[in-house]
């Protein structure tokens, strides 16, 4: 991280959340399943949008290509992209209370370890997907171009390319992006013959229905 110039995370705590990759930590408890924690405003958003059992979380992040040079690792300019990297289908939604006991396999997760959070909530994964029972109910993806949200050729990673039917004119609703234009009358959504473009607002959850 120092070689890459990432300094703002020094002396910060890091944690696995969502914790959906069974290979990240050794000696997993035999009952372990994928788990995602939320609290405060983030949890309010999920609750207000009616997230329920059976719903599917898709997790995306900011990625950049890296190369190793004689002076260490270096970012490749112009490769910033938002990419979907993992998923979790909800089997249980659990309110996490400070003085309550929980199963042993959950206790290492940061939202169960540090419980004094407002609206602290755990989203526990299904063992297998309801619509594809041969697959786990949580996990991480191998990279594919089809998982890239950022529109090809765009320097701004927050400009996303979607299939045409994601456009609001088809009745699809994406939270925080319900309007077609911003306050300055600049387009938030643009519809084309075979796709649509969304100027995504940045970090945070989007609920798509």
N, C-alpha and C. Protein backbone atom coordinates (compact mmCIF):
# COMPACT_ATOMS: atom_id res chain seq x y z
N UNK A 1 0.82 -1.20 0.00
CA UNK A 1 0.00 0.00 0.00
C UNK A 1 0.86 1.25 0.00
N UNK A 2 1.97 1.25 0.74
CA UNK A 2 2.85 2.41 0.74
C UNK A 2 3.47 2.63 -0.64
N UNK A 3 3.87 1.53 -1.31
CA UNK A 3 4.44 1.66 -2.65
C UNK A 3 3.43 2.26 -3.62
N UNK A 4 2.16 1.96 -3.43
CA UNK A 4 1.11 2.47 -4.30
C UNK A 4 0.66 3.88 -3.93
N UNK A 5 1.20 4.40 -2.83
CA UNK A 5 0.84 5.75 -2.41
C UNK A 5 -0.44 5.84 -1.62
N UNK A 6 -0.90 4.71 -1.08
CA UNK A 6 -2.12 4.69 -0.27
C UNK A 6 -1.74 4.95 1.19
N UNK A 7 -2.03 6.14 1.68
CA UNK A 7 -1.57 6.54 3.01
C UNK A 7 -2.70 6.77 4.01
N UNK A 8 -3.90 7.05 3.53
CA UNK A 8 -4.97 7.46 4.44
C UNK A 8 -5.47 6.34 5.33
N UNK A 9 -5.04 5.08 5.06
CA UNK A 9 -5.50 3.96 5.87
C UNK A 9 -4.49 3.54 6.93
N UNK A 10 -3.39 4.28 7.09
CA UNK A 10 -2.43 3.97 8.14
C UNK A 10 -3.10 4.13 9.50
N UNK A 11 -2.81 3.19 10.38
CA UNK A 11 -3.37 3.18 11.75
C UNK A 11 -4.88 3.00 11.75
N UNK A 12 -5.44 2.47 10.66
CA UNK A 12 -6.87 2.19 10.61
C UNK A 12 -7.10 0.69 10.75
N UNK A 13 -8.28 0.33 11.26
CA UNK A 13 -8.65 -1.07 11.34
C UNK A 13 -9.28 -1.51 10.01
N UNK A 14 -8.94 -2.69 9.57
CA UNK A 14 -9.58 -3.27 8.39
C UNK A 14 -10.30 -4.54 8.82
N UNK A 15 -11.33 -4.92 8.06
CA UNK A 15 -12.09 -6.10 8.44
C UNK A 15 -12.78 -6.68 7.21
N UNK A 16 -13.18 -7.92 7.31
CA UNK A 16 -13.88 -8.60 6.23
C UNK A 16 -15.38 -8.37 6.37
N UNK A 17 -15.91 -7.50 5.55
CA UNK A 17 -17.34 -7.26 5.57
C UNK A 17 -17.75 -6.64 4.25
N UNK A 18 -18.43 -7.36 3.39
CA UNK A 18 -18.99 -8.69 3.63
C UNK A 18 -17.93 -9.78 3.71
N UNK A 19 -18.15 -10.72 4.59
CA UNK A 19 -17.25 -11.87 4.73
C UNK A 19 -17.88 -13.03 3.96
N UNK A 20 -17.46 -13.18 2.71
CA UNK A 20 -18.13 -14.15 1.83
C UNK A 20 -17.15 -15.08 1.11
N UNK A 21 -15.86 -14.94 1.43
CA UNK A 21 -14.86 -15.79 0.80
C UNK A 21 -14.35 -16.79 1.82
N UNK A 22 -14.69 -18.06 1.72
CA UNK A 22 -14.28 -19.04 2.73
C UNK A 22 -12.77 -19.24 2.81
N UNK A 23 -12.03 -18.81 1.79
CA UNK A 23 -10.60 -19.06 1.75
C UNK A 23 -9.76 -17.92 2.36
N UNK A 24 -10.41 -16.83 2.74
CA UNK A 24 -9.66 -15.67 3.24
C UNK A 24 -9.04 -15.95 4.61
N UNK A 25 -9.77 -16.64 5.49
CA UNK A 25 -9.30 -16.93 6.83
C UNK A 25 -9.13 -18.44 7.01
N UNK A 26 -8.14 -18.81 7.79
CA UNK A 26 -7.90 -20.22 8.07
C UNK A 26 -8.80 -20.70 9.22
N UNK A 27 -8.99 -22.01 9.26
CA UNK A 27 -9.69 -22.65 10.38
C UNK A 27 -11.09 -22.07 10.61
N UNK A 28 -11.85 -21.97 9.55
CA UNK A 28 -13.23 -21.51 9.68
C UNK A 28 -14.02 -22.49 10.56
N UNK A 29 -14.95 -21.95 11.33
CA UNK A 29 -15.87 -22.77 12.10
C UNK A 29 -16.70 -23.61 11.14
N UNK A 30 -17.01 -24.83 11.51
CA UNK A 30 -17.73 -25.73 10.61
C UNK A 30 -19.11 -25.19 10.25
N UNK A 31 -19.69 -24.33 11.08
CA UNK A 31 -21.02 -23.77 10.80
C UNK A 31 -20.96 -22.44 10.04
N UNK A 32 -19.75 -21.98 9.71
CA UNK A 32 -19.61 -20.66 9.10
C UNK A 32 -20.37 -20.55 7.78
N UNK A 33 -20.99 -19.40 7.58
CA UNK A 33 -21.64 -19.04 6.32
C UNK A 33 -21.30 -17.58 6.02
N UNK A 34 -21.55 -17.18 4.78
CA UNK A 34 -21.33 -15.79 4.42
C UNK A 34 -22.17 -14.85 5.29
N UNK A 35 -21.61 -13.67 5.60
CA UNK A 35 -22.27 -12.76 6.52
C UNK A 35 -21.93 -11.32 6.12
N UNK A 36 -22.94 -10.46 6.17
CA UNK A 36 -22.79 -9.06 5.80
C UNK A 36 -23.41 -8.21 6.89
N UNK A 37 -22.67 -7.24 7.41
CA UNK A 37 -23.17 -6.38 8.47
C UNK A 37 -23.43 -4.96 8.00
N UNK A 38 -24.49 -4.35 8.54
CA UNK A 38 -24.81 -2.96 8.25
C UNK A 38 -25.33 -2.28 9.51
N UNK A 39 -25.17 -0.96 9.57
CA UNK A 39 -25.67 -0.20 10.72
C UNK A 39 -25.92 1.25 10.28
N UNK A 40 -26.46 2.03 11.20
CA UNK A 40 -26.68 3.47 11.01
C UNK A 40 -27.45 3.76 9.72
N UNK A 41 -27.03 4.79 8.97
CA UNK A 41 -27.77 5.22 7.78
C UNK A 41 -27.82 4.14 6.70
N UNK A 42 -26.73 3.36 6.59
CA UNK A 42 -26.71 2.32 5.58
C UNK A 42 -27.79 1.27 5.84
N UNK A 43 -27.96 0.90 7.10
CA UNK A 43 -29.00 -0.06 7.45
C UNK A 43 -30.39 0.56 7.29
N UNK A 44 -30.53 1.84 7.60
CA UNK A 44 -31.82 2.51 7.41
C UNK A 44 -32.25 2.45 5.96
N UNK A 45 -31.29 2.63 5.06
CA UNK A 45 -31.60 2.60 3.63
C UNK A 45 -32.11 1.22 3.22
N UNK A 46 -31.42 0.17 3.68
CA UNK A 46 -31.84 -1.19 3.33
C UNK A 46 -33.22 -1.51 3.91
N UNK A 47 -33.44 -1.09 5.15
CA UNK A 47 -34.73 -1.35 5.80
C UNK A 47 -35.85 -0.59 5.09
N UNK A 48 -35.61 0.68 4.78
CA UNK A 48 -36.65 1.50 4.15
C UNK A 48 -37.00 1.00 2.75
N UNK A 49 -36.05 0.34 2.10
CA UNK A 49 -36.31 -0.19 0.76
C UNK A 49 -36.86 -1.61 0.81
N UNK A 50 -37.07 -2.14 2.02
CA UNK A 50 -37.75 -3.41 2.15
C UNK A 50 -36.91 -4.63 1.82
N UNK A 51 -35.61 -4.57 2.05
CA UNK A 51 -34.78 -5.75 1.81
C UNK A 51 -35.28 -6.88 2.70
N UNK A 52 -35.44 -8.06 2.11
CA UNK A 52 -36.08 -9.17 2.83
C UNK A 52 -35.37 -10.48 2.54
N UNK A 53 -35.84 -11.55 3.20
CA UNK A 53 -35.28 -12.88 2.99
C UNK A 53 -35.41 -13.26 1.51
N UNK A 54 -34.36 -13.86 0.99
CA UNK A 54 -34.35 -14.26 -0.41
C UNK A 54 -33.77 -13.23 -1.36
N UNK A 55 -33.63 -11.98 -0.90
CA UNK A 55 -33.03 -10.95 -1.76
C UNK A 55 -31.55 -11.23 -1.97
N UNK A 56 -31.04 -10.70 -3.06
CA UNK A 56 -29.66 -10.98 -3.47
C UNK A 56 -28.83 -9.71 -3.42
N UNK A 57 -27.75 -9.73 -2.64
CA UNK A 57 -26.77 -8.64 -2.64
C UNK A 57 -25.70 -8.95 -3.69
N UNK A 58 -25.38 -7.94 -4.51
CA UNK A 58 -24.21 -7.98 -5.38
C UNK A 58 -23.25 -6.90 -4.89
N UNK A 59 -22.01 -7.27 -4.63
CA UNK A 59 -21.04 -6.34 -4.06
C UNK A 59 -20.07 -5.87 -5.15
N UNK A 60 -19.90 -4.55 -5.23
CA UNK A 60 -18.97 -3.99 -6.19
C UNK A 60 -17.92 -3.15 -5.46
N UNK A 61 -16.79 -2.92 -6.12
CA UNK A 61 -15.74 -2.12 -5.53
C UNK A 61 -14.95 -1.37 -6.60
N UNK A 62 -14.04 -0.53 -6.13
CA UNK A 62 -13.18 0.26 -7.01
C UNK A 62 -11.88 -0.52 -7.21
N UNK A 63 -11.56 -0.82 -8.45
CA UNK A 63 -10.37 -1.58 -8.78
C UNK A 63 -9.50 -0.80 -9.77
N UNK A 64 -8.18 -0.99 -9.66
CA UNK A 64 -7.23 -0.44 -10.62
C UNK A 64 -6.15 -1.48 -10.92
N UNK A 65 -5.71 -1.52 -12.16
CA UNK A 65 -4.63 -2.44 -12.52
C UNK A 65 -3.33 -2.00 -11.85
N UNK A 66 -2.50 -2.98 -11.53
CA UNK A 66 -1.22 -2.74 -10.86
C UNK A 66 -0.13 -3.49 -11.60
N UNK A 67 1.05 -2.89 -11.72
CA UNK A 67 2.21 -3.57 -12.29
C UNK A 67 3.36 -3.49 -11.29
N UNK A 68 4.24 -4.48 -11.36
CA UNK A 68 5.42 -4.50 -10.51
C UNK A 68 6.60 -3.96 -11.30
N UNK A 69 7.26 -2.93 -10.76
CA UNK A 69 8.41 -2.32 -11.39
C UNK A 69 9.64 -2.55 -10.53
N UNK A 70 10.78 -2.07 -10.98
CA UNK A 70 12.02 -2.20 -10.21
C UNK A 70 11.95 -1.42 -8.91
N UNK A 71 11.03 -0.46 -8.83
CA UNK A 71 10.86 0.34 -7.61
C UNK A 71 9.65 -0.08 -6.78
N UNK A 72 9.06 -1.21 -7.12
CA UNK A 72 7.90 -1.69 -6.39
C UNK A 72 6.64 -1.65 -7.24
N UNK A 73 5.49 -1.75 -6.58
CA UNK A 73 4.22 -1.79 -7.30
C UNK A 73 3.76 -0.38 -7.69
N UNK A 74 3.05 -0.32 -8.82
CA UNK A 74 2.60 0.96 -9.35
C UNK A 74 1.24 0.79 -10.02
N UNK A 75 0.35 1.76 -9.78
CA UNK A 75 -0.95 1.74 -10.45
C UNK A 75 -0.77 2.05 -11.93
N UNK A 76 -1.63 1.44 -12.75
CA UNK A 76 -1.67 1.74 -14.17
C UNK A 76 -2.69 2.84 -14.40
N UNK A 77 -2.25 3.96 -14.92
CA UNK A 77 -3.12 5.11 -15.12
C UNK A 77 -4.26 4.78 -16.08
N UNK A 78 -5.46 5.29 -15.74
CA UNK A 78 -6.60 5.15 -16.62
C UNK A 78 -7.31 3.82 -16.57
N UNK A 79 -7.04 3.01 -15.53
CA UNK A 79 -7.68 1.69 -15.43
C UNK A 79 -8.70 1.61 -14.29
N UNK A 80 -9.12 2.75 -13.74
CA UNK A 80 -10.08 2.77 -12.64
C UNK A 80 -11.43 2.25 -13.11
N UNK A 81 -11.96 1.26 -12.39
CA UNK A 81 -13.23 0.66 -12.76
C UNK A 81 -14.00 0.22 -11.53
N UNK A 82 -15.32 0.30 -11.60
CA UNK A 82 -16.19 -0.34 -10.63
C UNK A 82 -16.52 -1.73 -11.16
N UNK A 83 -16.31 -2.75 -10.33
CA UNK A 83 -16.47 -4.14 -10.76
C UNK A 83 -17.24 -4.91 -9.69
N UNK A 84 -18.22 -5.70 -10.12
CA UNK A 84 -18.93 -6.61 -9.20
C UNK A 84 -18.00 -7.76 -8.85
N UNK A 85 -17.81 -8.01 -7.56
CA UNK A 85 -16.83 -9.02 -7.15
C UNK A 85 -17.42 -10.15 -6.29
N UNK A 86 -18.63 -9.98 -5.77
CA UNK A 86 -19.18 -11.02 -4.91
C UNK A 86 -20.68 -10.92 -4.75
N UNK A 87 -21.26 -11.90 -4.04
CA UNK A 87 -22.72 -11.96 -3.90
C UNK A 87 -23.09 -12.65 -2.60
N UNK A 88 -24.34 -12.42 -2.16
CA UNK A 88 -24.89 -13.09 -0.97
C UNK A 88 -26.40 -13.07 -1.08
N UNK A 89 -27.03 -14.23 -0.97
CA UNK A 89 -28.49 -14.30 -0.91
C UNK A 89 -28.92 -14.43 0.55
N UNK A 90 -29.86 -13.59 0.95
CA UNK A 90 -30.22 -13.46 2.36
C UNK A 90 -31.09 -14.63 2.83
N UNK A 91 -30.63 -15.28 3.90
CA UNK A 91 -31.42 -16.35 4.54
C UNK A 91 -31.98 -15.89 5.88
N UNK A 92 -31.31 -14.93 6.51
CA UNK A 92 -31.73 -14.46 7.84
C UNK A 92 -31.29 -13.01 8.00
N UNK A 93 -32.18 -12.18 8.56
CA UNK A 93 -31.84 -10.81 8.92
C UNK A 93 -31.93 -10.70 10.43
N UNK A 94 -30.82 -10.39 11.07
CA UNK A 94 -30.75 -10.48 12.53
C UNK A 94 -30.35 -9.14 13.15
N UNK A 95 -31.20 -8.64 14.03
CA UNK A 95 -30.88 -7.44 14.81
C UNK A 95 -29.82 -7.83 15.85
N UNK A 96 -28.70 -7.13 15.85
CA UNK A 96 -27.58 -7.47 16.74
C UNK A 96 -27.63 -6.54 17.95
N UNK A 97 -27.82 -7.13 19.11
CA UNK A 97 -27.95 -6.37 20.35
C UNK A 97 -26.69 -6.53 21.20
N UNK A 98 -26.30 -5.48 21.93
CA UNK A 98 -25.04 -5.50 22.69
C UNK A 98 -24.92 -6.61 23.71
N UNK A 99 -26.01 -6.96 24.40
CA UNK A 99 -25.93 -7.88 25.53
C UNK A 99 -26.52 -9.26 25.24
N UNK A 100 -26.68 -9.58 23.99
CA UNK A 100 -27.26 -10.87 23.62
C UNK A 100 -26.17 -11.82 23.16
N UNK A 101 -26.37 -13.11 23.40
CA UNK A 101 -25.41 -14.12 22.96
C UNK A 101 -25.75 -14.61 21.55
N UNK A 102 -24.72 -14.85 20.76
CA UNK A 102 -24.91 -15.31 19.39
C UNK A 102 -24.04 -16.53 19.13
N UNK A 103 -24.36 -17.23 18.06
CA UNK A 103 -23.61 -18.44 17.73
C UNK A 103 -22.11 -18.14 17.61
N UNK A 104 -21.32 -19.12 17.96
CA UNK A 104 -19.87 -18.93 18.01
C UNK A 104 -19.30 -18.48 16.68
N UNK A 105 -19.80 -19.03 15.56
CA UNK A 105 -19.20 -18.72 14.27
C UNK A 105 -19.42 -17.28 13.84
N UNK A 106 -20.41 -16.61 14.44
CA UNK A 106 -20.70 -15.22 14.10
C UNK A 106 -19.84 -14.23 14.88
N UNK A 107 -19.29 -14.64 16.00
CA UNK A 107 -18.72 -13.69 16.96
C UNK A 107 -17.47 -12.98 16.44
N UNK A 108 -16.78 -13.59 15.48
CA UNK A 108 -15.58 -12.93 14.96
C UNK A 108 -15.88 -11.85 13.93
N UNK A 109 -17.11 -11.81 13.42
CA UNK A 109 -17.46 -10.79 12.45
C UNK A 109 -17.53 -9.43 13.15
N UNK A 110 -17.04 -8.37 12.49
CA UNK A 110 -16.94 -7.07 13.18
C UNK A 110 -18.25 -6.52 13.70
N UNK A 111 -19.37 -6.82 13.06
CA UNK A 111 -20.65 -6.30 13.55
C UNK A 111 -21.17 -7.08 14.75
N UNK A 112 -20.67 -8.27 14.96
CA UNK A 112 -21.01 -9.03 16.16
C UNK A 112 -19.96 -8.84 17.25
N UNK A 113 -18.74 -8.47 16.86
CA UNK A 113 -17.67 -8.23 17.83
C UNK A 113 -17.81 -6.85 18.46
N UNK A 114 -18.02 -5.82 17.63
CA UNK A 114 -18.27 -4.46 18.11
C UNK A 114 -19.76 -4.19 17.94
N UNK A 115 -20.50 -4.37 19.02
CA UNK A 115 -21.96 -4.39 18.91
C UNK A 115 -22.62 -3.05 19.22
N UNK A 116 -21.88 -2.10 19.74
CA UNK A 116 -22.49 -0.83 20.12
C UNK A 116 -22.62 0.09 18.90
N UNK A 117 -23.45 -0.31 17.99
CA UNK A 117 -23.71 0.44 16.77
C UNK A 117 -25.21 0.69 16.66
N UNK A 118 -25.58 1.79 16.08
CA UNK A 118 -26.99 2.11 15.88
C UNK A 118 -27.55 1.22 14.78
N UNK A 119 -28.70 0.60 15.04
CA UNK A 119 -29.38 -0.27 14.07
C UNK A 119 -28.45 -1.38 13.56
N UNK A 120 -27.64 -1.92 14.42
CA UNK A 120 -26.67 -2.94 14.03
C UNK A 120 -27.39 -4.21 13.55
N UNK A 121 -27.07 -4.67 12.35
CA UNK A 121 -27.84 -5.75 11.71
C UNK A 121 -26.91 -6.68 10.96
N UNK A 122 -27.19 -7.98 11.04
CA UNK A 122 -26.46 -8.98 10.27
C UNK A 122 -27.34 -9.62 9.22
N UNK A 123 -26.80 -9.74 8.01
CA UNK A 123 -27.48 -10.44 6.91
C UNK A 123 -26.74 -11.75 6.67
N UNK A 124 -27.37 -12.86 7.05
CA UNK A 124 -26.73 -14.17 6.99
C UNK A 124 -27.14 -14.87 5.70
N UNK A 125 -26.18 -15.48 5.04
CA UNK A 125 -26.41 -16.07 3.72
C UNK A 125 -27.11 -17.42 3.79
N UNK A 126 -27.78 -17.76 2.71
CA UNK A 126 -28.27 -19.12 2.51
C UNK A 126 -27.08 -20.05 2.26
N UNK A 127 -27.26 -21.32 2.55
CA UNK A 127 -26.23 -22.29 2.20
C UNK A 127 -26.09 -22.43 0.69
N UNK A 128 -27.23 -22.39 -0.02
CA UNK A 128 -27.24 -22.52 -1.48
C UNK A 128 -28.24 -21.54 -2.07
N UNK A 129 -27.98 -21.11 -3.29
CA UNK A 129 -28.89 -20.19 -3.96
C UNK A 129 -30.24 -20.85 -4.19
N UNK A 130 -31.32 -20.12 -3.94
CA UNK A 130 -32.66 -20.68 -4.12
C UNK A 130 -32.95 -20.96 -5.59
N UNK A 131 -32.39 -20.15 -6.50
CA UNK A 131 -32.67 -20.29 -7.93
C UNK A 131 -31.60 -21.11 -8.66
N UNK A 132 -30.55 -21.53 -7.91
CA UNK A 132 -29.51 -22.39 -8.48
C UNK A 132 -28.91 -23.20 -7.33
N UNK A 133 -29.64 -24.21 -6.85
CA UNK A 133 -29.26 -24.94 -5.64
C UNK A 133 -27.90 -25.62 -5.71
N UNK A 134 -27.34 -25.79 -6.90
CA UNK A 134 -26.03 -26.40 -7.02
C UNK A 134 -24.91 -25.42 -6.71
N UNK A 135 -25.24 -24.14 -6.48
CA UNK A 135 -24.24 -23.12 -6.19
C UNK A 135 -24.39 -22.62 -4.75
N UNK A 136 -23.27 -22.22 -4.12
CA UNK A 136 -23.35 -21.67 -2.76
C UNK A 136 -24.20 -20.40 -2.73
N UNK A 137 -24.75 -20.09 -1.57
CA UNK A 137 -25.56 -18.90 -1.42
C UNK A 137 -24.75 -17.63 -1.22
N UNK A 138 -23.45 -17.70 -1.33
CA UNK A 138 -22.54 -16.56 -1.16
C UNK A 138 -21.23 -16.92 -1.83
N UNK A 139 -20.42 -15.92 -2.15
CA UNK A 139 -19.13 -16.23 -2.73
C UNK A 139 -18.56 -15.06 -3.51
N UNK A 140 -17.40 -15.28 -4.13
CA UNK A 140 -16.72 -14.27 -4.93
C UNK A 140 -16.60 -14.77 -6.37
N UNK A 141 -16.54 -13.83 -7.30
CA UNK A 141 -16.47 -14.16 -8.72
C UNK A 141 -15.03 -14.11 -9.22
N UNK A 142 -14.72 -14.97 -10.17
CA UNK A 142 -13.54 -14.77 -10.99
C UNK A 142 -13.83 -13.60 -11.93
N UNK A 143 -12.77 -12.86 -12.28
CA UNK A 143 -12.98 -11.68 -13.11
C UNK A 143 -13.50 -12.05 -14.50
N UNK A 144 -14.50 -11.29 -14.94
CA UNK A 144 -15.00 -11.35 -16.32
C UNK A 144 -15.35 -9.92 -16.74
N UNK A 145 -15.21 -9.63 -18.02
CA UNK A 145 -15.56 -8.30 -18.51
C UNK A 145 -17.02 -7.97 -18.22
N UNK A 146 -17.88 -9.00 -18.21
CA UNK A 146 -19.30 -8.78 -17.99
C UNK A 146 -19.62 -8.30 -16.57
N UNK A 147 -18.66 -8.39 -15.65
CA UNK A 147 -18.86 -7.93 -14.28
C UNK A 147 -18.46 -6.47 -14.09
N UNK A 148 -17.88 -5.86 -15.12
CA UNK A 148 -17.44 -4.46 -15.04
C UNK A 148 -18.65 -3.54 -15.20
N UNK A 149 -18.88 -2.68 -14.22
CA UNK A 149 -19.97 -1.71 -14.28
C UNK A 149 -19.57 -0.47 -15.08
N UNK A 150 -18.33 -0.03 -14.94
CA UNK A 150 -17.86 1.18 -15.61
C UNK A 150 -17.94 1.02 -17.13
N UNK A 151 -18.49 2.03 -17.78
CA UNK A 151 -18.64 1.99 -19.23
C UNK A 151 -17.27 1.99 -19.90
N UNK A 152 -17.02 1.08 -20.84
CA UNK A 152 -15.73 1.04 -21.54
C UNK A 152 -15.41 2.39 -22.18
N UNK A 153 -14.15 2.80 -22.04
CA UNK A 153 -13.72 4.06 -22.63
C UNK A 153 -13.95 5.27 -21.76
N UNK A 154 -14.63 5.10 -20.61
CA UNK A 154 -14.89 6.22 -19.71
C UNK A 154 -13.77 6.38 -18.70
N UNK A 155 -13.31 7.60 -18.48
CA UNK A 155 -12.29 7.86 -17.48
C UNK A 155 -12.90 7.90 -16.07
N UNK A 156 -14.19 8.24 -15.97
CA UNK A 156 -14.86 8.27 -14.67
C UNK A 156 -15.43 6.89 -14.39
N UNK A 157 -14.97 6.28 -13.32
CA UNK A 157 -15.42 4.92 -12.99
C UNK A 157 -16.90 4.89 -12.62
N UNK A 158 -17.47 6.03 -12.23
CA UNK A 158 -18.86 6.08 -11.77
C UNK A 158 -19.87 6.17 -12.92
N UNK A 159 -19.40 6.19 -14.16
CA UNK A 159 -20.31 6.16 -15.31
C UNK A 159 -20.47 4.71 -15.72
N UNK A 160 -21.67 4.17 -15.49
CA UNK A 160 -21.91 2.73 -15.65
C UNK A 160 -22.69 2.45 -16.92
N UNK A 161 -22.43 1.30 -17.50
CA UNK A 161 -23.17 0.81 -18.66
C UNK A 161 -24.01 -0.39 -18.25
N UNK A 162 -25.31 -0.31 -18.52
CA UNK A 162 -26.25 -1.35 -18.16
C UNK A 162 -26.98 -1.87 -19.41
N UNK A 163 -27.57 -3.06 -19.32
CA UNK A 163 -28.53 -3.46 -20.35
C UNK A 163 -29.67 -2.44 -20.43
N UNK A 164 -30.27 -2.33 -21.58
CA UNK A 164 -31.30 -1.32 -21.85
C UNK A 164 -32.43 -1.34 -20.83
N UNK A 165 -32.81 -2.54 -20.36
CA UNK A 165 -33.99 -2.66 -19.49
C UNK A 165 -33.76 -2.12 -18.08
N UNK A 166 -32.54 -1.69 -17.74
CA UNK A 166 -32.32 -1.04 -16.45
C UNK A 166 -32.81 0.40 -16.44
N UNK A 167 -33.06 0.98 -17.60
CA UNK A 167 -33.49 2.37 -17.68
C UNK A 167 -34.85 2.54 -17.01
N UNK A 168 -35.05 3.64 -16.26
CA UNK A 168 -36.32 3.83 -15.55
C UNK A 168 -37.56 3.79 -16.44
N UNK A 169 -37.42 4.07 -17.72
CA UNK A 169 -38.58 4.03 -18.61
C UNK A 169 -39.17 2.63 -18.74
N UNK A 170 -38.39 1.60 -18.34
CA UNK A 170 -38.87 0.23 -18.37
C UNK A 170 -39.49 -0.19 -17.03
N UNK A 171 -39.56 0.75 -16.09
CA UNK A 171 -40.13 0.45 -14.79
C UNK A 171 -39.13 -0.04 -13.77
N UNK A 172 -37.86 -0.16 -14.14
CA UNK A 172 -36.82 -0.58 -13.20
C UNK A 172 -36.50 0.58 -12.26
N UNK A 173 -36.38 0.28 -10.98
CA UNK A 173 -36.08 1.31 -9.99
C UNK A 173 -34.73 1.02 -9.34
N UNK A 174 -33.84 2.00 -9.38
CA UNK A 174 -32.54 1.91 -8.73
C UNK A 174 -32.48 3.03 -7.69
N UNK A 175 -32.37 2.67 -6.41
CA UNK A 175 -32.43 3.69 -5.37
C UNK A 175 -31.30 4.71 -5.52
N UNK A 176 -31.60 5.95 -5.15
CA UNK A 176 -30.74 7.12 -5.30
C UNK A 176 -30.66 7.60 -6.75
N UNK A 177 -31.25 6.85 -7.68
CA UNK A 177 -31.17 7.21 -9.09
C UNK A 177 -32.53 7.14 -9.76
N UNK A 178 -33.56 7.58 -9.06
CA UNK A 178 -34.91 7.50 -9.58
C UNK A 178 -35.19 8.56 -10.64
N UNK A 179 -34.45 9.68 -10.60
CA UNK A 179 -34.70 10.78 -11.52
C UNK A 179 -33.86 10.64 -12.78
N UNK A 180 -34.37 11.20 -13.87
CA UNK A 180 -33.66 11.16 -15.15
C UNK A 180 -32.63 12.27 -15.27
N UNK A 181 -32.85 13.38 -14.53
CA UNK A 181 -31.96 14.54 -14.63
C UNK A 181 -31.62 15.05 -13.23
N UNK A 182 -30.44 15.65 -13.09
CA UNK A 182 -30.05 16.23 -11.81
C UNK A 182 -30.59 17.66 -11.70
N UNK A 183 -30.20 18.37 -10.64
CA UNK A 183 -30.73 19.70 -10.37
C UNK A 183 -30.31 20.71 -11.44
N UNK A 184 -29.20 20.44 -12.12
CA UNK A 184 -28.73 21.32 -13.19
C UNK A 184 -29.24 20.88 -14.55
N UNK A 185 -30.17 19.93 -14.55
CA UNK A 185 -30.78 19.39 -15.77
C UNK A 185 -29.79 18.60 -16.63
N UNK A 186 -28.73 18.10 -15.99
CA UNK A 186 -27.82 17.19 -16.68
C UNK A 186 -28.36 15.77 -16.57
N UNK A 187 -28.25 14.97 -17.62
CA UNK A 187 -28.83 13.62 -17.58
C UNK A 187 -28.13 12.70 -16.57
N UNK A 188 -28.93 12.03 -15.77
CA UNK A 188 -28.42 10.97 -14.89
C UNK A 188 -28.47 9.64 -15.63
N UNK A 189 -29.52 9.46 -16.42
CA UNK A 189 -29.70 8.27 -17.26
C UNK A 189 -29.72 8.68 -18.72
N UNK A 190 -29.14 7.84 -19.58
CA UNK A 190 -29.24 8.02 -21.02
C UNK A 190 -29.57 6.67 -21.65
N UNK A 191 -30.55 6.68 -22.56
CA UNK A 191 -31.01 5.45 -23.19
C UNK A 191 -30.54 5.38 -24.64
N UNK A 192 -29.94 4.24 -24.99
CA UNK A 192 -29.46 4.01 -26.35
C UNK A 192 -30.12 2.77 -26.93
N UNK A 193 -29.81 2.44 -28.17
CA UNK A 193 -30.48 1.34 -28.86
C UNK A 193 -30.31 0.00 -28.15
N UNK A 194 -29.10 -0.27 -27.63
CA UNK A 194 -28.84 -1.59 -27.04
C UNK A 194 -28.30 -1.53 -25.62
N UNK A 195 -28.33 -0.36 -24.99
CA UNK A 195 -27.85 -0.24 -23.60
C UNK A 195 -28.33 1.09 -23.03
N UNK A 196 -28.05 1.30 -21.74
CA UNK A 196 -28.29 2.60 -21.13
C UNK A 196 -27.08 2.97 -20.27
N UNK A 197 -26.94 4.26 -19.99
CA UNK A 197 -25.82 4.78 -19.22
C UNK A 197 -26.37 5.43 -17.95
N UNK A 198 -25.72 5.14 -16.82
CA UNK A 198 -26.07 5.73 -15.54
C UNK A 198 -24.86 6.46 -14.97
N UNK A 199 -25.07 7.71 -14.56
CA UNK A 199 -24.03 8.44 -13.82
C UNK A 199 -24.26 8.15 -12.34
N UNK A 200 -23.57 7.14 -11.85
CA UNK A 200 -23.76 6.67 -10.48
C UNK A 200 -23.21 7.70 -9.49
N UNK A 201 -23.85 7.79 -8.32
CA UNK A 201 -23.48 8.85 -7.38
C UNK A 201 -22.25 8.52 -6.54
N UNK A 202 -21.77 7.29 -6.54
CA UNK A 202 -20.58 6.97 -5.76
C UNK A 202 -20.79 5.81 -4.81
N UNK A 203 -20.22 5.91 -3.60
CA UNK A 203 -20.28 4.81 -2.64
C UNK A 203 -21.69 4.62 -2.11
N UNK A 204 -21.94 3.41 -1.61
CA UNK A 204 -23.21 3.14 -0.96
C UNK A 204 -24.04 2.10 -1.68
N UNK A 205 -25.13 1.72 -1.05
CA UNK A 205 -25.98 0.65 -1.57
C UNK A 205 -26.94 1.19 -2.60
N UNK A 206 -27.21 0.39 -3.64
CA UNK A 206 -28.29 0.65 -4.59
C UNK A 206 -29.26 -0.51 -4.50
N UNK A 207 -30.52 -0.22 -4.38
CA UNK A 207 -31.54 -1.25 -4.37
C UNK A 207 -32.20 -1.24 -5.73
N UNK A 208 -32.14 -2.35 -6.42
CA UNK A 208 -32.71 -2.46 -7.77
C UNK A 208 -33.92 -3.38 -7.74
N UNK A 209 -35.02 -2.90 -8.31
CA UNK A 209 -36.25 -3.70 -8.32
C UNK A 209 -36.97 -3.51 -9.64
